[in-house]
Structures are given as C-alpha cells and as structure tokens.
C-alpha cells in the first residue's frame, strides 16, 4: 500500500485509534473491573485470622496465669517467712521462769496439741511505763478463721477473765500440732504433775529442749523445729569470770 496519496491527518487519526485500542485491551487484561475474592478465599482468610487470634489469646492468657501464680506464690512465701520469723523471735527469748495468775503458779511453758503458751523476756519499755520485764505469749489455732493466732499479755498483771485480741500470724492452715522435744517427742508439757510446792516450782520452771510445729499450708506439709534455752545464765558466775579475765589482762 502506498502512503504517498494518504492525507497526513488520516494517518494521525489511524495511529491514535490504534494506540487507544491497544491501551484499552491492556487495561482490560490487567484490570478487570468485575474481578474479586471468591468465597473460598474469604473463608480461608477468616480461618487463618481466627487461628492466629486464638493462638495469641492462648499465649496471652497463659502469661497472665503464670504472673498470677507467681504473685500468689510470692505472697504465700512472704507470709510463711513472717510466721517463722515471729515464732523464732518469741521462742528464742523464752525463759524458764514460772508465772503467777490469781496467786497460783503457772508453768513457764504449757503445751497442748494445738496450743503453746510460754513466758519470754525481751520486753522493751522506751516510755518507762513500768512494763514488766517478762510477758506471756500464746500461740493457738482459731478454727473459725483457720489461722495460727498469737496472743500477747503481761502474765504478772493478767487477771482471770480478761481477754486480749489475737493477731493472725498465718492463714489459712490445717492440722496444726505442737510437740515438745526433750529430746523425745512429748505431746503435753509439763509432763509431770506433783503436789509438793518446791517440786512443783521446779517442774513448772522447766523448758523442753525444743518445740516442733507441724501444719498444712497451701496443700503442703510443713515442719518447723525451734531450740530453747533451758537454763538462764548464772549472772554471778559470769561476772566473776569477767573480773578474773580483766585481772589477767591488767
């Protein structure tokens, strides 16, 4: 075909039409206005999202539960440490001195299955209120609160019928049991009962060599053993020994 006699305008129009047709065909090929996701593709995407969400929730829930368990364990351990430290401080200051109540001698330490009562030193009187140098400490089991309870009172001034509120040391506990070690295990203390006044004073002033405490806490069994000072130091002998050492050094 010879293009010599074809007008230029006609050639430009033909070229423009050809380019437009090519562009339209390319547009229809690459971008189909009627194309989209099929139902299966949508369901698969939803299923994948659901699985990922469930997995993330399980991991997050497990982290929260682990954190709560760790916090609960830490709190339980703190309560146990407090209870042990309190009993250790009290029993380390127990003294073999019998008390009196309403004119009757009371043992320096009285022990039953779920009750422990003893006299201790270490009373501080910073305000100089005339507090006695010793006080009576009692540990017992409160069935209503399922708790180990501590009672404190000055045994010399204690009148019959007076009640003092107890402080919860550890709760909730089960199967609380006190036993005396002398060194054999004794379920009761004092283990002897006499009527002679001198012998009675001696017996009531005795302490066992140790105290054993058993209980259940947070579904676990615990056993604590505390040693006791069974005799007070001889202050006169101690003073003489110190004087002799001072004489040697001088």
Protein backbone atom coordinates (compact mmCIF):
# COMPACT_ATOMS: atom_id res chain seq x y z
CA UNK A 1 0.00 0.00 0.00
CA UNK A 2 1.39 3.35 -0.96
CA UNK A 3 1.13 6.12 1.54
CA UNK A 4 2.07 8.92 -0.81
CA UNK A 5 -1.50 9.86 -1.56
CA UNK A 6 -2.86 9.34 2.01
CA UNK A 7 -3.51 12.54 3.89
CA UNK A 8 -1.42 13.17 7.00
CA UNK A 9 -4.48 13.79 9.15
CA UNK A 10 -5.84 10.38 8.27
CA UNK A 11 -2.59 8.73 9.28
CA UNK A 12 -2.54 10.52 12.61
CA UNK A 13 -6.14 9.53 13.29
CA UNK A 14 -5.43 5.91 12.47
CA UNK A 15 -2.35 5.86 14.71
CA UNK A 16 -4.27 7.47 17.56
CA UNK A 17 -7.09 4.94 17.21
CA UNK A 18 -4.64 2.06 17.19
CA UNK A 19 -2.91 3.28 20.36
CA UNK A 20 -6.24 3.77 22.10
CA UNK A 21 -7.36 0.29 21.20
CA UNK A 22 -4.09 -1.18 22.47
CA UNK A 23 -4.42 0.74 25.76
CA UNK A 24 -7.99 -0.46 26.26
CA UNK A 25 -7.02 -4.05 25.59
CA UNK A 26 -4.15 -3.77 28.10
CA UNK A 27 -6.44 -2.21 30.68
CA UNK A 28 -8.99 -4.96 30.27
CA UNK A 29 -6.23 -7.54 30.54
CA UNK A 30 -4.53 -6.25 33.68
CA UNK A 31 -7.51 -4.68 35.49
CA UNK A 32 -10.79 -6.46 35.34
CA UNK A 33 -13.45 -4.31 36.98
CA UNK A 34 -15.53 -7.43 37.64
CA UNK A 35 -12.71 -9.40 39.35
CA UNK A 36 -12.62 -10.02 43.24
CA UNK A 37 -12.11 -12.59 46.05
CA UNK A 38 -14.01 -15.81 45.85
CA UNK A 39 -15.99 -17.16 48.80
CA UNK A 40 -13.39 -19.85 49.44
CA UNK A 41 -10.61 -17.28 49.60
CA UNK A 42 -12.60 -15.19 52.06
CA UNK A 43 -13.31 -18.24 54.26
CA UNK A 44 -9.66 -19.27 54.21
CA UNK A 45 -8.59 -15.75 55.21
CA UNK A 46 -11.13 -15.71 58.05
CA UNK A 47 -9.97 -19.13 59.24
CA UNK A 48 -6.32 -18.05 59.26
CA UNK A 49 -7.18 -14.88 61.16
CA UNK A 50 -9.22 -16.89 63.68
CA UNK A 51 -6.38 -19.35 64.27
CA UNK A 52 -3.87 -16.55 64.76
CA UNK A 53 -6.23 -14.74 67.13
CA UNK A 54 -6.88 -17.90 69.16
CA UNK A 55 -3.17 -18.65 69.38
CA UNK A 56 -2.41 -15.12 70.52
CA UNK A 57 -5.16 -15.26 73.14
CA UNK A 58 -3.90 -18.60 74.48
CA UNK A 59 -0.38 -17.25 74.83
CA UNK A 60 -1.62 -14.06 76.49
CA UNK A 61 -3.88 -15.99 78.87
CA UNK A 62 -1.03 -18.30 79.82
CA UNK A 63 1.21 -15.33 80.59
CA UNK A 64 -1.48 -13.79 82.80
CA UNK A 65 -1.98 -17.08 84.68
CA UNK A 66 1.75 -17.52 85.19
CA UNK A 67 2.01 -13.99 86.53
CA UNK A 68 -0.88 -14.57 88.94
CA UNK A 69 0.62 -17.87 90.14
CA UNK A 70 4.00 -16.26 90.71
CA UNK A 71 2.41 -13.39 92.64
CA UNK A 72 0.39 -15.82 94.77
CA UNK A 73 3.46 -17.96 95.44
CA UNK A 74 5.50 -14.90 96.42
CA UNK A 75 2.75 -13.75 98.80
CA UNK A 76 2.50 -17.20 100.39
CA UNK A 77 6.27 -17.35 100.82
CA UNK A 78 6.25 -13.91 102.45
CA UNK A 79 3.56 -14.99 104.92
CA UNK A 80 5.50 -18.15 105.77
CA UNK A 81 8.69 -16.19 106.35
CA UNK A 82 6.84 -13.72 108.59
CA UNK A 83 5.27 -16.51 110.67
CA UNK A 84 8.57 -18.36 111.05
CA UNK A 85 10.47 -15.19 112.00
CA UNK A 86 7.80 -14.27 114.57
CA UNK A 87 7.88 -17.67 116.26
CA UNK A 88 11.68 -17.80 116.13
CA UNK A 89 11.94 -14.39 117.80
CA UNK A 90 9.48 -15.35 120.54
CA UNK A 91 10.85 -18.82 121.29
CA UNK A 92 14.46 -17.65 121.28
CA UNK A 93 13.52 -15.35 124.20
CA UNK A 94 11.59 -17.98 126.18
CA UNK A 95 12.74 -18.12 129.80
CA UNK A 96 12.46 -20.93 132.39
CA UNK A 97 10.56 -18.78 134.87
CA UNK A 98 7.15 -19.81 136.20
CA UNK A 99 4.47 -17.17 136.29
CA UNK A 100 1.58 -16.44 138.61
CA UNK A 101 -2.08 -15.86 137.98
CA UNK A 102 -4.53 -15.23 140.80
CA UNK A 103 -1.95 -16.46 143.30
CA UNK A 104 -1.37 -19.77 141.52
CA UNK A 105 1.83 -20.82 139.82
CA UNK A 106 1.71 -21.10 136.05
CA UNK A 107 4.24 -23.16 134.06
CA UNK A 108 6.99 -21.41 132.18
CA UNK A 109 5.78 -23.33 129.14
CA UNK A 110 2.48 -25.12 128.65
CA UNK A 111 1.92 -27.19 125.54
CA UNK A 112 -1.08 -29.00 124.14
CA UNK A 113 -1.94 -30.40 120.75
CA UNK A 114 -2.96 -27.05 119.25
CA UNK A 115 -1.85 -24.64 121.97
CA UNK A 116 1.54 -23.32 123.03
CA UNK A 117 1.96 -20.85 125.89
CA UNK A 118 5.24 -19.65 127.38
CA UNK A 119 6.91 -16.77 129.18
CA UNK A 120 9.53 -14.69 127.43
CA UNK A 121 11.93 -11.85 128.10
CA UNK A 122 12.94 -9.06 125.77
CA UNK A 123 10.23 -6.58 126.74
CA UNK A 124 11.21 -3.04 125.78
CA UNK A 125 9.81 -0.10 127.75
CA UNK A 126 11.13 3.03 125.97
CA UNK A 127 8.49 5.28 127.54
CA UNK A 128 9.23 3.93 131.04
CA UNK A 129 5.62 3.00 131.70
CA UNK A 130 6.58 0.40 134.26
CA UNK A 131 6.09 -2.60 131.99
CA UNK A 132 7.09 -5.95 133.40
CA UNK A 133 10.37 -7.44 132.21
CA UNK A 134 8.57 -10.56 131.04
CA UNK A 135 5.41 -11.26 129.11
CA UNK A 136 3.28 -14.24 128.23
CA UNK A 137 2.97 -15.40 124.64
CA UNK A 138 0.40 -17.87 123.42
CA UNK A 139 0.00 -19.49 120.02
CA UNK A 140 -3.19 -21.30 119.17
CA UNK A 141 -5.42 -22.47 116.36
CA UNK A 142 -8.52 -20.42 115.56
CA UNK A 143 -10.95 -22.85 113.94
CA UNK A 144 -13.27 -20.09 112.77
CA UNK A 145 -10.55 -18.31 110.82
CA UNK A 146 -8.46 -21.43 110.12
CA UNK A 147 -5.48 -19.45 111.35
CA UNK A 148 -2.47 -19.58 113.62
CA UNK A 149 -3.15 -16.81 116.13
CA UNK A 150 -0.72 -15.12 118.52
CA UNK A 151 -1.79 -13.67 121.89
CA UNK A 152 0.41 -11.42 124.00
CA UNK A 153 -0.17 -10.33 127.59
CA UNK A 154 1.91 -9.43 130.67
CA UNK A 155 1.41 -12.55 132.74
CA UNK A 156 2.02 -10.87 136.11
CA UNK A 157 -0.80 -8.36 135.65
CA UNK A 158 -3.15 -10.69 133.83
CA UNK A 159 -6.45 -11.06 135.66
CA UNK A 160 -8.75 -14.00 135.29
CA UNK A 161 -11.44 -13.39 132.71
CA UNK A 162 -9.54 -10.75 130.77
CA UNK A 163 -9.41 -11.39 127.05
CA UNK A 164 -6.92 -9.92 124.63
CA UNK A 165 -7.42 -9.89 120.86
CA UNK A 166 -5.12 -12.19 118.96
CA UNK A 167 -3.13 -11.40 115.85
CA UNK A 168 -3.34 -13.72 112.86
CA UNK A 169 0.16 -14.99 112.10
CA UNK A 170 -0.63 -17.38 109.24
CA UNK A 171 -3.84 -18.34 107.44
CA UNK A 172 -5.40 -20.50 106.20
CA UNK A 173 -3.75 -23.52 107.79
CA UNK A 174 -4.83 -27.04 108.74
CA UNK A 175 -3.65 -29.86 111.00
CA UNK A 176 -1.75 -27.61 113.41
CA UNK A 177 0.16 -29.58 116.02
CA UNK A 178 2.64 -28.56 118.73
CA UNK A 179 5.04 -31.04 120.30
CA UNK A 180 7.81 -30.71 122.86
CA UNK A 181 11.24 -32.24 122.24
CA UNK A 182 13.06 -33.31 125.42
CA UNK A 183 14.67 -34.88 123.38
CA UNK A 184 11.90 -37.45 122.99
CA UNK A 185 8.67 -36.18 121.48
CA UNK A 186 6.11 -35.13 124.10
CA UNK A 187 2.54 -34.22 123.23
CA UNK A 188 1.99 -32.49 126.59
CA UNK A 189 4.11 -30.16 128.73
CA UNK A 190 4.82 -30.17 131.64
CA UNK A 191 4.98 -33.93 131.56
CA UNK A 192 4.94 -34.33 135.37
CA UNK A 193 2.34 -33.35 137.92
CA UNK A 194 3.33 -33.01 141.58
CA UNK A 195 1.72 -31.52 144.67
CA UNK A 196 4.84 -30.63 146.69
CA UNK A 197 5.34 -26.86 146.43
CA UNK A 198 9.13 -26.95 145.99
CA UNK A 199 8.99 -29.73 143.42
CA UNK A 200 6.08 -28.03 141.70
CA UNK A 201 8.03 -24.79 141.37
CA UNK A 202 10.95 -26.70 139.89
CA UNK A 203 8.80 -28.65 137.43
CA UNK A 204 6.84 -25.62 136.30
CA UNK A 205 10.07 -23.72 135.65
CA UNK A 206 11.43 -26.31 133.24
CA UNK A 207 11.57 -25.90 129.48
CA UNK A 208 11.93 -28.64 126.88
CA UNK A 209 14.98 -28.66 124.65
CA UNK A 210 12.93 -27.73 121.62
CA UNK A 211 9.49 -27.19 120.10
CA UNK A 212 8.20 -28.88 116.96
CA UNK A 213 5.43 -27.25 114.93
CA UNK A 214 3.58 -29.11 112.18
CA UNK A 215 0.84 -27.76 109.92
CA UNK A 216 -0.54 -27.78 106.39
CA UNK A 217 -0.48 -24.63 104.28
CA UNK A 218 -1.38 -24.25 100.62
CA UNK A 219 -1.74 -28.04 100.26
CA UNK A 220 1.81 -28.60 101.60
CA UNK A 221 3.06 -30.08 104.86
CA UNK A 222 5.49 -28.03 106.95
CA UNK A 223 7.59 -28.93 109.97
CA UNK A 224 9.44 -26.30 111.99
CA UNK A 225 11.80 -27.07 114.87
CA UNK A 226 12.91 -24.41 117.35
CA UNK A 227 15.54 -24.86 120.06
CA UNK A 228 15.04 -23.37 123.53
CA UNK A 229 17.38 -22.09 126.22
CA UNK A 230 16.61 -24.44 129.11
CA UNK A 231 18.56 -22.56 131.78
CA UNK A 232 19.31 -18.94 132.49
CA UNK A 233 22.98 -17.94 132.71
CA UNK A 234 24.48 -17.62 136.19
CA UNK A 235 25.00 -13.87 136.37
CA UNK A 236 27.23 -14.05 139.45
CA UNK A 237 29.49 -16.69 137.91
CA UNK A 238 29.60 -14.75 134.65
CA UNK A 239 30.60 -11.58 136.49
CA UNK A 240 33.34 -13.41 138.42
CA UNK A 241 34.68 -14.88 135.19
CA UNK A 242 34.79 -11.47 133.58
CA UNK A 243 36.54 -9.98 136.62
CA UNK A 244 39.14 -12.75 136.52
CA UNK A 245 39.82 -12.16 132.85
CA UNK A 246 40.18 -8.43 133.49
CA UNK A 247 42.69 -9.11 136.28
CA UNK A 248 44.77 -11.31 133.98
CA UNK A 249 44.87 -8.72 131.23
CA UNK A 250 45.82 -5.96 133.65
